[in-house]
């Protein structure tokens, strides 16, 4: 083959390779399997063009190792499985520490049905209290209303305790859980709290084969690898594991009119994941998956924005729920925003001094609330609470959760160019 012919052949092969690769990429937008097949065909074409006829005339098995890899050939064109293949990684070990502790949570509600007789009576003004049992056959039956996830975290006094989201079991007439083994058993609601969106369930401890442990969420860093475990779209996909990274260890959101500090992650979290654990590489639960952002205010689709309740707050809440069945939460009566989450434009618009880098900006003071009675004003910046620096909502919440209604909290506040101290008598949340 002349040099000119060789150039023409290489140009043709490169064109075919590029075309195959483009087909693979386009197909990838429609389905990963097709994309893989297309790219694989491109790689085969490339190998054939570079190997020439020697690939088809080899009469013995050999391996030629170069700087970028190795080429193995066989006389019969057969291959085998490499038994030394690594079958586990860091997150596999982490998953194994929680896999049998994760459960699916089933919310059952009553639905009623009435016969045509009862409908006829109601048309003429007679209620369901008619003393004729034959004329009214209104029935109530338990129906599966929704599914979520949960995680078993401890056992005590013959009970296994499960943490999940409040919205997962909200309004339930009966709650059941599906264990990792596939067995469905009854569960009892120990306590629930709408403000934090947390709830605790209990089951007979004889069914518990593994419990998960909590890690320190305050030690989380952006970029840290995590996995989310749960039952997205229901128990049919129980024990689904998705991996992502921590985008923000402490993001402030408003949920049902209440401020929450959450962990933001891009691990896939879908309907049914609610109540399941967010797990670090040590196999520790560092958050309870609670919600995701699926679309922006303008209606644009959003991907990779899931949120979990930090484990440190979870532990504080569920311990109180187990002890008291409910949360009596002292509050200041303010809505705040962490300064380090506000960009320079918003700070300027709100009149916040550029010299202030840390603290909580008071965006709203509830009229007649505890802070209002103590003299706090909109625009104040809370720097400390009881002498402790507060740079995020979670820190302030933890300080308040360790106080009782009626306790007094000393707040160091920046108001304009002055630093003042305000003492607030905490009131019960409403």
Protein backbone atom coordinates (compact mmCIF):
# COMPACT_ATOMS: atom_id res chain seq x y z
CA UNK A 1 0.00 0.00 0.00
CA UNK A 2 1.39 3.40 -0.99
CA UNK A 3 1.63 6.31 1.47
CA UNK A 4 -1.22 8.11 -0.33
CA UNK A 5 -3.49 5.03 -0.11
CA UNK A 6 -2.70 4.64 3.60
CA UNK A 7 -3.66 8.29 4.25
CA UNK A 8 -6.96 7.85 2.38
CA UNK A 9 -7.77 4.68 4.35
CA UNK A 10 -7.04 6.35 7.72
CA UNK A 11 -9.16 9.35 6.75
CA UNK A 12 -12.08 7.04 5.87
CA UNK A 13 -11.71 5.06 9.13
CA UNK A 14 -11.61 8.26 11.20
CA UNK A 15 -14.75 9.46 9.48
CA UNK A 16 -16.55 6.23 10.30
CA UNK A 17 -15.36 6.45 13.89
CA UNK A 18 -16.59 10.02 14.27
CA UNK A 19 -19.94 9.12 12.73
CA UNK A 20 -20.35 6.12 15.06
CA UNK A 21 -19.44 8.24 18.08
CA UNK A 22 -21.96 10.94 17.12
CA UNK A 23 -24.66 8.30 16.74
CA UNK A 24 -23.74 6.97 20.18
CA UNK A 25 -23.97 10.40 21.83
CA UNK A 26 -27.31 11.23 20.19
CA UNK A 27 -28.66 7.81 21.14
CA UNK A 28 -27.47 8.46 24.69
CA UNK A 29 -30.05 11.21 24.95
CA UNK A 30 -32.71 8.62 24.24
CA UNK A 31 -31.36 5.59 26.10
CA UNK A 32 -28.09 4.63 27.77
CA UNK A 33 -28.07 1.09 26.41
CA UNK A 34 -28.18 2.29 22.81
CA UNK A 35 -25.47 4.83 23.57
CA UNK A 36 -23.20 2.16 24.99
CA UNK A 37 -23.70 -0.09 21.95
CA UNK A 38 -22.92 2.76 19.57
CA UNK A 39 -19.71 3.76 21.35
CA UNK A 40 -18.68 0.12 21.66
CA UNK A 41 -19.06 -0.33 17.90
CA UNK A 42 -16.91 2.76 17.39
CA UNK A 43 -14.19 1.31 19.61
CA UNK A 44 -14.30 -2.00 17.73
CA UNK A 45 -13.96 -0.19 14.42
CA UNK A 46 -10.98 1.72 15.75
CA UNK A 47 -9.26 -1.44 17.02
CA UNK A 48 -9.77 -3.22 13.69
CA UNK A 49 -8.38 -0.36 11.66
CA UNK A 50 -5.25 -0.10 13.76
CA UNK A 51 -4.61 -3.85 14.17
CA UNK A 52 -4.99 -4.68 10.49
CA UNK A 53 -5.22 -8.32 9.38
CA UNK A 54 -3.13 -9.61 12.30
CA UNK A 55 -6.23 -9.60 14.54
CA UNK A 56 -7.91 -12.26 12.40
CA UNK A 57 -4.87 -14.46 11.71
CA UNK A 58 -3.56 -14.92 15.25
CA UNK A 59 -2.99 -18.61 15.97
CA UNK A 60 -2.21 -18.42 19.73
CA UNK A 61 -3.38 -16.54 22.81
CA UNK A 62 -1.10 -13.65 23.74
CA UNK A 63 -1.11 -10.39 25.66
CA UNK A 64 0.70 -7.25 24.55
CA UNK A 65 0.87 -4.65 27.33
CA UNK A 66 1.70 -1.06 26.47
CA UNK A 67 1.75 2.23 28.39
CA UNK A 68 -2.00 2.80 28.04
CA UNK A 69 -3.39 -0.73 28.40
CA UNK A 70 -3.21 -4.25 27.05
CA UNK A 71 -4.43 -6.25 24.04
CA UNK A 72 -5.39 -9.92 24.42
CA UNK A 73 -5.96 -12.20 21.44
CA UNK A 74 -7.31 -15.77 21.26
CA UNK A 75 -7.17 -18.50 18.63
CA UNK A 76 -10.90 -19.27 19.00
CA UNK A 77 -12.22 -15.77 19.69
CA UNK A 78 -13.50 -16.75 23.17
CA UNK A 79 -13.08 -14.88 26.45
CA UNK A 80 -13.58 -15.43 30.20
CA UNK A 81 -14.48 -13.57 33.39
CA UNK A 82 -11.57 -12.08 35.34
CA UNK A 83 -12.12 -13.39 38.88
CA UNK A 84 -9.90 -10.69 40.38
CA UNK A 85 -12.42 -7.96 39.50
CA UNK A 86 -13.11 -5.63 42.44
CA UNK A 87 -16.74 -6.11 43.52
CA UNK A 88 -17.01 -3.51 46.26
CA UNK A 89 -16.05 0.07 47.02
CA UNK A 90 -16.18 2.59 49.82
CA UNK A 91 -19.89 3.26 49.51
CA UNK A 92 -20.70 -0.45 49.20
CA UNK A 93 -19.30 -0.98 52.70
CA UNK A 94 -21.24 2.07 53.90
CA UNK A 95 -24.49 0.72 52.43
CA UNK A 96 -24.04 -2.65 54.14
CA UNK A 97 -24.03 -0.88 57.52
CA UNK A 98 -27.59 0.36 56.97
CA UNK A 99 -29.20 -1.89 54.35
CA UNK A 100 -31.21 -4.06 56.78
CA UNK A 101 -32.18 -1.06 58.92
CA UNK A 102 -33.99 0.76 56.09
CA UNK A 103 -37.73 0.08 55.77
CA UNK A 104 -40.64 1.11 53.57
CA UNK A 105 -43.38 2.97 55.47
CA UNK A 106 -47.02 2.44 54.40
CA UNK A 107 -49.72 5.01 55.23
CA UNK A 108 -53.26 3.59 55.29
CA UNK A 109 -56.36 5.78 55.43
CA UNK A 110 -60.07 5.02 55.67
CA UNK A 111 -62.21 5.38 52.58
CA UNK A 112 -65.99 5.13 52.75
CA UNK A 113 -68.50 3.80 50.28
CA UNK A 114 -72.29 3.97 50.40
CA UNK A 115 -75.00 1.92 48.75
CA UNK A 116 -77.69 3.45 46.53
CA UNK A 117 -80.14 3.17 49.47
CA UNK A 118 -78.13 5.53 51.65
CA UNK A 119 -77.74 7.92 48.74
CA UNK A 120 -81.54 7.88 48.31
CA UNK A 121 -82.14 8.64 52.00
CA UNK A 122 -79.63 11.49 51.96
CA UNK A 123 -81.46 13.05 49.03
CA UNK A 124 -84.53 13.45 51.26
CA UNK A 125 -82.69 14.82 54.25
CA UNK A 126 -82.05 11.65 56.23
CA UNK A 127 -78.55 11.26 57.64
CA UNK A 128 -76.37 8.21 58.28
CA UNK A 129 -77.93 7.90 61.77
CA UNK A 130 -81.02 6.19 60.35
CA UNK A 131 -81.95 3.26 62.59
CA UNK A 132 -82.63 1.04 59.60
CA UNK A 133 -79.46 -0.98 59.05
CA UNK A 134 -80.83 -2.35 55.79
CA UNK A 135 -81.40 1.11 54.35
CA UNK A 136 -77.88 2.32 54.94
CA UNK A 137 -74.83 0.23 54.13
CA UNK A 138 -72.09 2.83 54.46
CA UNK A 139 -68.75 1.04 54.86
CA UNK A 140 -65.25 2.11 55.74
CA UNK A 141 -62.20 0.27 54.57
CA UNK A 142 -58.47 0.81 54.95
CA UNK A 143 -56.75 1.80 51.74
CA UNK A 144 -53.06 2.31 51.07
CA UNK A 145 -52.76 6.06 50.68
CA UNK A 146 -49.01 6.68 50.33
CA UNK A 147 -45.58 5.14 50.80
CA UNK A 148 -42.33 6.47 52.15
CA UNK A 149 -39.15 5.29 53.83
CA UNK A 150 -37.69 5.07 57.32
CA UNK A 151 -34.67 3.79 59.20
CA UNK A 152 -34.43 1.71 62.40
CA UNK A 153 -31.99 3.43 64.75
CA UNK A 154 -32.28 1.71 68.15
CA UNK A 155 -34.08 -0.88 70.28
CA UNK A 156 -35.30 -0.56 73.87
CA UNK A 157 -37.77 -2.38 76.13
CA UNK A 158 -38.84 -4.79 73.43
CA UNK A 159 -39.36 -2.10 70.80
CA UNK A 160 -37.49 -1.12 67.67
CA UNK A 161 -37.58 2.61 66.93
CA UNK A 162 -37.86 4.02 63.40
CA UNK A 163 -37.42 7.62 62.30
CA UNK A 164 -39.29 8.87 59.25
CA UNK A 165 -40.88 12.10 57.99
CA UNK A 166 -44.05 13.47 59.54
CA UNK A 167 -45.56 14.00 56.09
CA UNK A 168 -45.07 10.29 55.32
CA UNK A 169 -47.48 9.21 58.09
CA UNK A 170 -49.63 12.34 58.25
CA UNK A 171 -53.35 11.54 58.65
CA UNK A 172 -52.74 7.79 58.79
CA UNK A 173 -55.40 5.55 60.35
CA UNK A 174 -52.90 2.69 60.35
CA UNK A 175 -49.17 2.45 59.65
CA UNK A 176 -47.25 -0.60 58.48
CA UNK A 177 -43.61 -1.11 57.51
CA UNK A 178 -41.97 -3.47 55.06
CA UNK A 179 -38.68 -4.77 56.39
CA UNK A 180 -35.59 -5.38 54.27
CA UNK A 181 -36.54 -9.08 54.33
CA UNK A 182 -39.83 -8.23 52.58
CA UNK A 183 -41.99 -8.99 55.62
CA UNK A 184 -44.83 -6.51 56.32
CA UNK A 185 -45.62 -5.75 59.97
CA UNK A 186 -47.71 -3.26 61.95
CA UNK A 187 -46.10 -0.12 63.37
CA UNK A 188 -47.18 2.30 66.10
CA UNK A 189 -46.77 6.09 65.89
CA UNK A 190 -44.76 7.10 68.97
CA UNK A 191 -44.72 10.82 68.23
CA UNK A 192 -44.64 13.32 65.39
CA UNK A 193 -43.70 16.94 64.78
CA UNK A 194 -44.92 18.92 61.78
CA UNK A 195 -42.47 21.80 62.27
CA UNK A 196 -39.36 19.65 61.83
CA UNK A 197 -41.20 17.15 59.58
CA UNK A 198 -40.05 14.22 61.74
CA UNK A 199 -41.88 11.27 63.27
CA UNK A 200 -40.96 8.19 65.29
CA UNK A 201 -42.56 4.76 64.87
CA UNK A 202 -42.09 1.59 66.89
CA UNK A 203 -42.21 -2.10 65.97
CA UNK A 204 -41.64 -5.32 67.90
CA UNK A 205 -37.86 -5.59 68.44
CA UNK A 206 -37.90 -9.27 67.47
CA UNK A 207 -38.06 -8.13 63.84
CA UNK A 208 -34.96 -5.91 64.10
CA UNK A 209 -31.80 -7.43 62.61
CA UNK A 210 -29.80 -4.22 62.18
CA UNK A 211 -29.86 -0.65 63.48
CA UNK A 212 -28.24 2.40 61.91
CA UNK A 213 -26.10 4.89 63.84
CA UNK A 214 -26.09 8.68 63.52
CA UNK A 215 -23.04 10.69 62.50
CA UNK A 216 -22.19 14.33 63.25
CA UNK A 217 -23.85 16.50 60.61
CA UNK A 218 -21.95 19.59 61.80
CA UNK A 219 -18.76 17.98 60.45
CA UNK A 220 -20.15 17.75 56.88
CA UNK A 221 -18.32 19.58 54.10
CA UNK A 222 -19.36 20.59 50.61
CA UNK A 223 -18.16 18.03 48.07
CA UNK A 224 -18.39 15.10 50.50
CA UNK A 225 -19.75 11.87 48.99
CA UNK A 226 -23.07 10.55 50.35
CA UNK A 227 -25.69 7.96 49.44
CA UNK A 228 -29.47 8.12 49.80
CA UNK A 229 -31.30 4.86 50.61
CA UNK A 230 -35.03 4.33 50.40
CA UNK A 231 -38.03 3.31 48.34
CA UNK A 232 -38.47 5.82 45.49
CA UNK A 233 -41.88 5.47 43.86
CA UNK A 234 -42.90 2.92 46.49
CA UNK A 235 -41.84 -0.41 47.98
CA UNK A 236 -41.50 -1.98 44.53
CA UNK A 237 -38.12 -0.23 44.41
CA UNK A 238 -37.21 -0.74 48.08
CA UNK A 239 -33.53 -0.47 49.06
CA UNK A 240 -32.72 1.74 46.10
CA UNK A 241 -29.33 3.41 46.55
CA UNK A 242 -28.32 6.66 44.85
CA UNK A 243 -25.02 8.47 45.24
CA UNK A 244 -24.20 12.16 45.18
CA UNK A 245 -22.25 14.88 46.90
CA UNK A 246 -23.09 17.44 49.56
CA UNK A 247 -23.70 20.76 47.85
CA UNK A 248 -24.29 22.63 51.10
CA UNK A 249 -24.14 21.26 54.67
CA UNK A 250 -26.43 24.03 55.87
CA UNK A 251 -29.11 25.53 53.61
CA UNK A 252 -32.05 27.50 55.05
CA UNK A 253 -35.49 26.77 53.56
CA UNK A 254 -39.05 27.66 54.53
CA UNK A 255 -41.35 24.64 54.86
CA UNK A 256 -45.01 25.01 55.85
CA UNK A 257 -44.26 28.52 57.08
CA UNK A 258 -41.38 27.35 59.28
CA UNK A 259 -37.68 27.84 58.73
CA UNK A 260 -35.59 24.70 58.38
CA UNK A 261 -31.86 24.18 58.03
CA UNK A 262 -31.22 21.30 55.63
CA UNK A 263 -28.41 19.47 53.86
CA UNK A 264 -28.47 20.01 50.10
CA UNK A 265 -27.32 17.09 47.96
CA UNK A 266 -27.47 16.02 44.33
CA UNK A 267 -28.11 12.37 45.23
CA UNK A 268 -31.31 11.41 43.42
CA UNK A 269 -34.26 11.77 45.82
CA UNK A 270 -37.71 10.95 44.50
CA UNK A 271 -41.22 10.43 45.82
CA UNK A 272 -40.99 7.60 48.35
CA UNK A 273 -37.43 8.45 49.44
CA UNK A 274 -38.88 10.71 52.12
CA UNK A 275 -37.90 9.52 55.59
CA UNK A 276 -34.99 7.41 54.36
CA UNK A 277 -31.38 7.97 55.47
CA UNK A 278 -28.65 10.07 53.88
CA UNK A 279 -25.47 8.15 54.66
CA UNK A 280 -21.79 9.16 54.71
CA UNK A 281 -18.85 6.98 53.64
CA UNK A 282 -18.54 5.63 57.20
CA UNK A 283 -22.04 4.17 56.99
CA UNK A 284 -23.45 6.73 59.43
CA UNK A 285 -26.80 8.47 58.99
CA UNK A 286 -26.04 12.18 58.65
CA UNK A 287 -29.50 13.24 57.50
CA UNK A 288 -33.10 12.16 56.90
CA UNK A 289 -34.18 12.76 53.30
CA UNK A 290 -37.18 15.05 53.31
CA UNK A 291 -37.80 16.88 50.04
CA UNK A 292 -36.53 17.86 46.61
CA UNK A 293 -36.78 20.88 44.35
CA UNK A 294 -38.31 19.67 41.09
CA UNK A 295 -39.08 23.00 39.44
CA UNK A 296 -38.21 26.66 39.85
CA UNK A 297 -40.67 29.49 40.49
CA UNK A 298 -40.66 30.14 36.74
CA UNK A 299 -41.66 26.54 36.03
CA UNK A 300 -38.27 25.36 34.77
CA UNK A 301 -37.39 21.74 35.54
CA UNK A 302 -34.74 21.34 38.23
CA UNK A 303 -32.48 18.30 38.69
CA UNK A 304 -30.09 17.29 41.45
CA UNK A 305 -31.46 19.40 44.30
CA UNK A 306 -32.53 17.20 47.21
CA UNK A 307 -32.68 18.13 50.89
CA UNK A 308 -32.22 16.22 54.13
CA UNK A 309 -32.77 17.15 57.78
CA UNK A 310 -29.33 17.21 59.53
CA UNK A 311 -28.72 14.29 61.92
CA UNK A 312 -27.85 16.53 64.87
CA UNK A 313 -31.29 18.13 64.72
CA UNK A 314 -32.93 14.76 64.03
CA UNK A 315 -31.47 13.23 67.20
CA UNK A 316 -32.61 16.17 69.34
CA UNK A 317 -36.17 15.95 68.00
CA UNK A 318 -36.66 12.16 68.03
CA UNK A 319 -35.33 11.84 71.59
CA UNK A 320 -38.00 14.31 72.71
CA UNK A 321 -40.66 12.50 70.69
CA UNK A 322 -39.82 9.18 72.32
CA UNK A 323 -39.88 10.81 75.76
CA UNK A 324 -42.94 13.05 75.41
CA UNK A 325 -44.72 12.08 72.19
CA UNK A 326 -44.67 15.68 70.99
CA UNK A 327 -42.48 18.78 70.85
CA UNK A 328 -43.22 21.84 72.94
CA UNK A 329 -40.92 24.24 71.17
CA UNK A 330 -39.81 27.58 72.62
CA UNK A 331 -39.47 30.29 70.01
CA UNK A 332 -38.28 33.84 69.50
CA UNK A 333 -40.94 34.91 67.02
CA UNK A 334 -38.58 36.03 64.24
CA UNK A 335 -37.74 34.99 60.69
CA UNK A 336 -34.03 35.21 59.92
CA UNK A 337 -31.51 34.65 57.12
CA UNK A 338 -27.84 33.71 57.45
CA UNK A 339 -25.62 36.53 56.18
CA UNK A 340 -23.19 34.16 54.47
CA UNK A 341 -26.07 32.88 52.31
CA UNK A 342 -26.88 36.38 51.03
CA UNK A 343 -25.02 37.89 48.09
CA UNK A 344 -23.75 41.47 48.08
CA UNK A 345 -26.74 42.71 46.04
CA UNK A 346 -29.30 41.54 48.63
CA UNK A 347 -27.18 42.85 51.48
CA UNK A 348 -27.10 46.27 49.86
CA UNK A 349 -30.86 46.20 49.21
CA UNK A 350 -31.53 45.36 52.86
CA UNK A 351 -29.11 47.94 54.17
CA UNK A 352 -26.75 45.43 55.78
CA UNK A 353 -23.29 46.79 56.51
CA UNK A 354 -20.64 45.33 54.22
CA UNK A 355 -18.41 44.86 57.27
CA UNK A 356 -20.82 42.23 58.66
CA UNK A 357 -19.86 38.81 57.33
CA UNK A 358 -21.50 36.46 59.84
CA UNK A 359 -24.74 36.43 61.83
CA UNK A 360 -28.50 36.15 61.29
CA UNK A 361 -30.37 38.99 59.62
CA UNK A 362 -33.83 39.54 61.13
CA UNK A 363 -36.14 39.70 58.11
CA UNK A 364 -39.40 39.67 60.09
CA UNK A 365 -40.51 40.11 63.70
CA UNK A 366 -43.84 38.50 64.63
CA UNK A 367 -46.15 41.15 66.05
CA UNK A 368 -46.85 40.46 69.70
CA UNK A 369 -44.28 37.65 69.80
CA UNK A 370 -41.45 37.15 72.28
CA UNK A 371 -38.83 39.09 70.30
CA UNK A 372 -41.27 41.92 69.56
CA UNK A 373 -42.04 42.29 73.28
CA UNK A 374 -38.30 42.42 74.02
CA UNK A 375 -37.76 45.25 71.52
CA UNK A 376 -36.18 43.44 68.57
CA UNK A 377 -36.68 45.11 65.19
CA UNK A 378 -36.60 44.11 61.55
CA UNK A 379 -33.11 44.74 60.20
CA UNK A 380 -31.31 43.71 63.39
CA UNK A 381 -28.50 41.17 63.00
CA UNK A 382 -28.20 38.50 65.71
CA UNK A 383 -24.52 37.82 66.41
CA UNK A 384 -24.71 35.67 69.54
CA UNK A 385 -27.25 33.79 71.67
CA UNK A 386 -26.32 33.22 75.31
CA UNK A 387 -22.74 34.08 74.39
CA UNK A 388 -22.53 31.52 71.57
CA UNK A 389 -21.83 32.71 68.02
CA UNK A 390 -24.73 32.04 65.67
CA UNK A 391 -23.91 32.00 61.97
CA UNK A 392 -26.76 29.79 60.77
CA UNK A 393 -30.36 28.95 61.67
CA UNK A 394 -29.46 25.42 62.81
CA UNK A 395 -27.18 26.74 65.54
CA UNK A 396 -29.88 29.09 66.84
CA UNK A 397 -32.45 26.27 66.74
CA UNK A 398 -30.19 23.96 68.75
CA UNK A 399 -29.70 26.64 71.41
CA UNK A 400 -33.45 27.22 71.65
CA UNK A 401 -34.28 23.50 71.70
CA UNK A 402 -32.19 23.16 74.85
CA UNK A 403 -34.31 25.81 76.60
CA UNK A 404 -37.80 25.68 78.01
CA UNK A 405 -40.81 27.92 77.48
CA UNK A 406 -40.38 30.86 79.84
CA UNK A 407 -36.57 30.71 79.86
CA UNK A 408 -34.75 33.93 79.05
CA UNK A 409 -32.18 34.09 76.24
CA UNK A 410 -29.61 36.87 75.92
CA UNK A 411 -29.06 38.00 72.34
CA UNK A 412 -26.15 40.10 71.11
CA UNK A 413 -27.53 42.20 68.27
CA UNK A 414 -26.01 44.58 65.73
CA UNK A 415 -28.38 47.47 65.05
CA UNK A 416 -26.93 49.93 62.60
CA UNK A 417 -23.53 50.93 63.97
CA UNK A 418 -24.35 49.86 67.54
CA UNK A 419 -24.02 46.50 69.29
CA UNK A 420 -26.74 45.99 71.88
CA UNK A 421 -28.00 43.18 74.14
CA UNK A 422 -31.64 42.07 74.12
CA UNK A 423 -33.09 39.62 76.63
CA UNK A 424 -36.02 37.59 75.29
CA UNK A 425 -38.42 35.49 77.39
CA UNK A 426 -39.16 32.45 75.19
CA UNK A 427 -42.76 31.61 74.37
CA UNK A 428 -44.34 28.40 73.17
CA UNK A 429 -44.67 27.84 69.46
CA UNK A 430 -48.21 28.05 68.12
